[in-house]
N, C-alpha and C. Protein backbone atom coordinates (compact mmCIF):
# COMPACT_ATOMS: atom_id res chain seq x y z
N ILE A 1 5.73 -5.77 14.02
CA ILE A 1 5.58 -4.34 14.26
C ILE A 1 5.19 -3.62 12.98
N ILE A 2 5.82 -3.98 11.88
CA ILE A 2 5.52 -3.32 10.61
C ILE A 2 4.08 -3.60 10.20
N ALA A 3 3.64 -4.83 10.37
CA ALA A 3 2.27 -5.18 9.99
C ALA A 3 1.26 -4.36 10.78
N LEU A 4 1.53 -4.17 12.06
CA LEU A 4 0.63 -3.36 12.89
C LEU A 4 0.62 -1.91 12.41
N ASP A 5 1.78 -1.38 12.11
CA ASP A 5 1.86 0.00 11.60
C ASP A 5 1.09 0.17 10.29
N ILE A 6 1.23 -0.79 9.41
CA ILE A 6 0.51 -0.73 8.13
C ILE A 6 -1.00 -0.81 8.38
N TYR A 7 -1.41 -1.68 9.30
CA TYR A 7 -2.83 -1.80 9.65
C TYR A 7 -3.38 -0.46 10.16
N ILE A 8 -2.63 0.17 11.05
CA ILE A 8 -3.05 1.47 11.59
C ILE A 8 -3.14 2.51 10.48
N LEU A 9 -2.15 2.53 9.61
CA LEU A 9 -2.18 3.47 8.48
C LEU A 9 -3.39 3.22 7.57
N ARG A 10 -3.72 1.95 7.34
CA ARG A 10 -4.90 1.63 6.53
C ARG A 10 -6.17 2.20 7.16
N GLN A 11 -6.29 2.00 8.46
CA GLN A 11 -7.47 2.50 9.17
C GLN A 11 -7.56 4.02 9.08
N LEU A 12 -6.45 4.68 9.30
CA LEU A 12 -6.42 6.14 9.22
C LEU A 12 -6.65 6.64 7.80
N SER A 13 -6.17 5.91 6.82
CA SER A 13 -6.29 6.36 5.44
C SER A 13 -7.75 6.46 5.00
N GLY A 14 -8.59 5.55 5.48
CA GLY A 14 -10.01 5.61 5.14
C GLY A 14 -10.65 6.88 5.66
N THR A 15 -10.38 7.19 6.90
CA THR A 15 -10.93 8.39 7.53
C THR A 15 -10.39 9.65 6.85
N LEU A 16 -9.08 9.67 6.64
CA LEU A 16 -8.47 10.84 6.01
C LEU A 16 -8.93 11.03 4.57
N SER A 17 -9.15 9.94 3.86
CA SER A 17 -9.65 10.04 2.48
C SER A 17 -11.01 10.72 2.45
N GLN A 18 -11.85 10.38 3.42
CA GLN A 18 -13.18 11.01 3.49
C GLN A 18 -13.05 12.51 3.77
N MET A 19 -12.12 12.87 4.64
CA MET A 19 -11.92 14.28 4.95
C MET A 19 -11.37 15.04 3.74
N ILE A 20 -10.48 14.39 3.01
CA ILE A 20 -9.90 15.02 1.81
C ILE A 20 -10.98 15.23 0.74
N LYS A 21 -11.91 14.29 0.64
CA LYS A 21 -13.00 14.44 -0.33
C LYS A 21 -13.86 15.66 -0.01
N LEU A 22 -13.98 15.97 1.26
CA LEU A 22 -14.72 17.18 1.65
C LEU A 22 -14.03 18.44 1.12
N LEU A 23 -12.73 18.35 0.92
CA LEU A 23 -11.97 19.47 0.37
C LEU A 23 -11.94 19.44 -1.16
N ARG A 24 -12.75 18.53 -1.71
CA ARG A 24 -12.87 18.35 -3.16
C ARG A 24 -11.55 17.94 -3.81
N ARG A 25 -10.83 17.10 -3.13
CA ARG A 25 -9.60 16.51 -3.66
C ARG A 25 -9.84 15.02 -3.83
N ASP A 26 -9.34 14.47 -4.90
CA ASP A 26 -9.53 13.05 -5.16
C ASP A 26 -8.20 12.31 -5.00
N ILE A 27 -7.87 11.99 -3.76
CA ILE A 27 -6.63 11.28 -3.46
C ILE A 27 -7.01 9.98 -2.75
N ASP A 28 -6.58 8.87 -3.30
CA ASP A 28 -6.89 7.56 -2.72
C ASP A 28 -5.77 7.16 -1.76
N LEU A 29 -5.89 7.61 -0.52
CA LEU A 29 -4.85 7.33 0.46
C LEU A 29 -4.72 5.85 0.76
N ARG A 30 -5.81 5.12 0.69
CA ARG A 30 -5.75 3.68 0.95
C ARG A 30 -4.81 3.00 -0.05
N SER A 31 -4.88 3.40 -1.32
CA SER A 31 -3.97 2.83 -2.33
C SER A 31 -2.53 3.23 -2.06
N VAL A 32 -2.33 4.45 -1.61
CA VAL A 32 -0.98 4.90 -1.27
C VAL A 32 -0.42 4.06 -0.13
N VAL A 33 -1.22 3.81 0.88
CA VAL A 33 -0.78 3.00 2.02
C VAL A 33 -0.51 1.57 1.58
N GLU A 34 -1.35 1.02 0.73
CA GLU A 34 -1.14 -0.35 0.23
C GLU A 34 0.18 -0.46 -0.51
N GLU A 35 0.47 0.50 -1.37
CA GLU A 35 1.72 0.50 -2.13
C GLU A 35 2.91 0.65 -1.18
N PHE A 36 2.78 1.53 -0.20
CA PHE A 36 3.83 1.71 0.80
C PHE A 36 4.09 0.40 1.54
N GLY A 37 3.03 -0.28 1.94
CA GLY A 37 3.18 -1.55 2.65
C GLY A 37 3.90 -2.58 1.80
N LYS A 38 3.55 -2.65 0.54
CA LYS A 38 4.21 -3.60 -0.36
C LYS A 38 5.70 -3.28 -0.49
N LEU A 39 6.01 -2.01 -0.69
CA LEU A 39 7.40 -1.60 -0.87
C LEU A 39 8.23 -1.79 0.40
N ILE A 40 7.64 -1.54 1.54
CA ILE A 40 8.41 -1.67 2.79
C ILE A 40 8.80 -3.13 3.01
N TYR A 41 7.92 -4.07 2.65
CA TYR A 41 8.27 -5.48 2.80
C TYR A 41 9.34 -5.90 1.79
N GLU A 42 9.33 -5.29 0.61
CA GLU A 42 10.39 -5.57 -0.35
C GLU A 42 11.73 -5.05 0.16
N GLU A 43 11.70 -3.91 0.84
CA GLU A 43 12.93 -3.32 1.36
C GLU A 43 13.55 -4.15 2.48
N ILE A 44 12.77 -4.88 3.23
CA ILE A 44 13.34 -5.68 4.31
C ILE A 44 13.66 -7.10 3.86
N ASP A 45 13.50 -7.37 2.58
CA ASP A 45 13.92 -8.66 2.02
C ASP A 45 15.37 -8.48 1.56
N TYR A 46 16.31 -8.98 2.37
CA TYR A 46 17.72 -8.74 2.08
C TYR A 46 18.22 -9.47 0.85
N LEU A 47 17.56 -10.53 0.45
CA LEU A 47 17.93 -11.16 -0.82
C LEU A 47 17.67 -10.20 -1.98
N GLN A 48 16.52 -9.52 -1.92
CA GLN A 48 16.21 -8.53 -2.95
C GLN A 48 17.19 -7.37 -2.88
N GLU A 49 17.51 -6.93 -1.69
CA GLU A 49 18.46 -5.84 -1.52
C GLU A 49 19.84 -6.22 -2.06
N ALA A 50 20.24 -7.46 -1.86
CA ALA A 50 21.53 -7.93 -2.39
C ALA A 50 21.52 -7.91 -3.92
N ARG A 51 20.41 -8.35 -4.52
CA ARG A 51 20.30 -8.31 -5.99
C ARG A 51 20.35 -6.86 -6.47
N ASN A 52 19.66 -5.97 -5.74
CA ASN A 52 19.68 -4.55 -6.10
C ASN A 52 21.09 -3.98 -6.02
N ALA A 53 21.82 -4.36 -4.99
CA ALA A 53 23.20 -3.88 -4.82
C ALA A 53 24.08 -4.33 -5.98
N GLU A 54 23.94 -5.59 -6.37
CA GLU A 54 24.75 -6.08 -7.48
C GLU A 54 24.38 -5.39 -8.79
N ARG A 55 23.12 -5.15 -8.99
CA ARG A 55 22.66 -4.43 -10.20
C ARG A 55 23.21 -3.00 -10.18
N PHE A 56 23.14 -2.36 -9.04
CA PHE A 56 23.66 -1.00 -8.88
C PHE A 56 25.16 -0.98 -9.19
N ALA A 57 25.89 -1.97 -8.68
CA ALA A 57 27.33 -2.06 -8.94
C ALA A 57 27.60 -2.21 -10.43
N GLU A 58 26.79 -3.00 -11.12
CA GLU A 58 26.95 -3.17 -12.57
C GLU A 58 26.73 -1.85 -13.31
N LEU A 59 25.72 -1.11 -12.87
CA LEU A 59 25.39 0.15 -13.55
C LEU A 59 26.47 1.22 -13.35
N TYR A 60 27.15 1.18 -12.21
CA TYR A 60 28.12 2.21 -11.89
C TYR A 60 29.56 1.70 -11.85
N ILE A 61 29.82 0.61 -12.54
CA ILE A 61 31.15 0.00 -12.53
C ILE A 61 32.23 0.96 -13.03
N SER A 62 31.89 1.84 -13.94
CA SER A 62 32.88 2.76 -14.51
C SER A 62 33.06 4.04 -13.69
N ASP A 63 32.29 4.19 -12.63
CA ASP A 63 32.37 5.38 -11.79
C ASP A 63 33.17 5.03 -10.53
N SER A 64 34.42 5.49 -10.49
CA SER A 64 35.29 5.13 -9.36
C SER A 64 34.88 5.78 -8.04
N SER A 65 33.97 6.74 -8.09
CA SER A 65 33.52 7.38 -6.85
C SER A 65 32.40 6.58 -6.17
N VAL A 66 31.91 5.55 -6.84
CA VAL A 66 30.84 4.72 -6.29
C VAL A 66 31.43 3.38 -5.85
N TYR A 67 31.19 3.05 -4.58
CA TYR A 67 31.65 1.77 -4.05
C TYR A 67 30.45 0.98 -3.54
N VAL A 68 30.33 -0.23 -3.99
CA VAL A 68 29.27 -1.13 -3.52
C VAL A 68 29.95 -2.35 -2.91
N PRO A 69 29.68 -2.63 -1.65
CA PRO A 69 30.32 -3.78 -1.00
C PRO A 69 29.96 -5.09 -1.69
N LYS A 70 30.91 -6.03 -1.63
CA LYS A 70 30.69 -7.36 -2.21
C LYS A 70 29.62 -8.09 -1.41
N ILE A 71 28.76 -8.79 -2.10
CA ILE A 71 27.74 -9.63 -1.45
C ILE A 71 28.29 -11.04 -1.32
N PHE A 72 28.22 -11.58 -0.13
CA PHE A 72 28.64 -12.96 0.10
C PHE A 72 27.38 -13.83 0.11
N TRP A 73 27.05 -14.32 -1.07
CA TRP A 73 25.80 -15.06 -1.26
C TRP A 73 25.73 -16.31 -0.39
N ARG A 74 26.85 -16.89 -0.10
CA ARG A 74 26.87 -18.11 0.71
C ARG A 74 26.25 -17.88 2.09
N PHE A 75 26.37 -16.66 2.59
CA PHE A 75 25.87 -16.35 3.93
C PHE A 75 24.61 -15.50 3.92
N THR A 76 24.25 -14.95 2.79
CA THR A 76 23.11 -14.03 2.71
C THR A 76 21.80 -14.80 2.66
N ARG A 77 20.86 -14.34 3.46
CA ARG A 77 19.53 -14.94 3.52
C ARG A 77 18.48 -13.81 3.50
N ARG A 78 17.26 -14.18 3.53
CA ARG A 78 16.17 -13.19 3.46
C ARG A 78 16.27 -12.15 4.57
N ARG A 79 16.75 -12.55 5.73
CA ARG A 79 16.85 -11.64 6.87
C ARG A 79 18.30 -11.29 7.25
N VAL A 80 19.27 -11.76 6.47
CA VAL A 80 20.69 -11.48 6.74
C VAL A 80 21.37 -11.11 5.43
N LEU A 81 22.04 -9.97 5.45
CA LEU A 81 22.79 -9.52 4.27
C LEU A 81 24.26 -9.42 4.65
N VAL A 82 25.08 -10.22 3.97
CA VAL A 82 26.52 -10.25 4.26
C VAL A 82 27.27 -9.94 2.98
């Protein structure tokens, strides 16, 4: 589903970029969509999210108002975060 959405956004970005150029604006929407697509796939990689959570916990260890759940690496996979 995400791949299809990104494909549709790519198609629309080309058309919209041309319309924006008519308004004398230089915005590369195709590049914006490409970056968005890359980031969205990183966000659904739960191994990366688990690493981010642990890094976040390290950065805020002295702040008692911040709680980051423990990551159970034994059970965590690319599509499962425990």
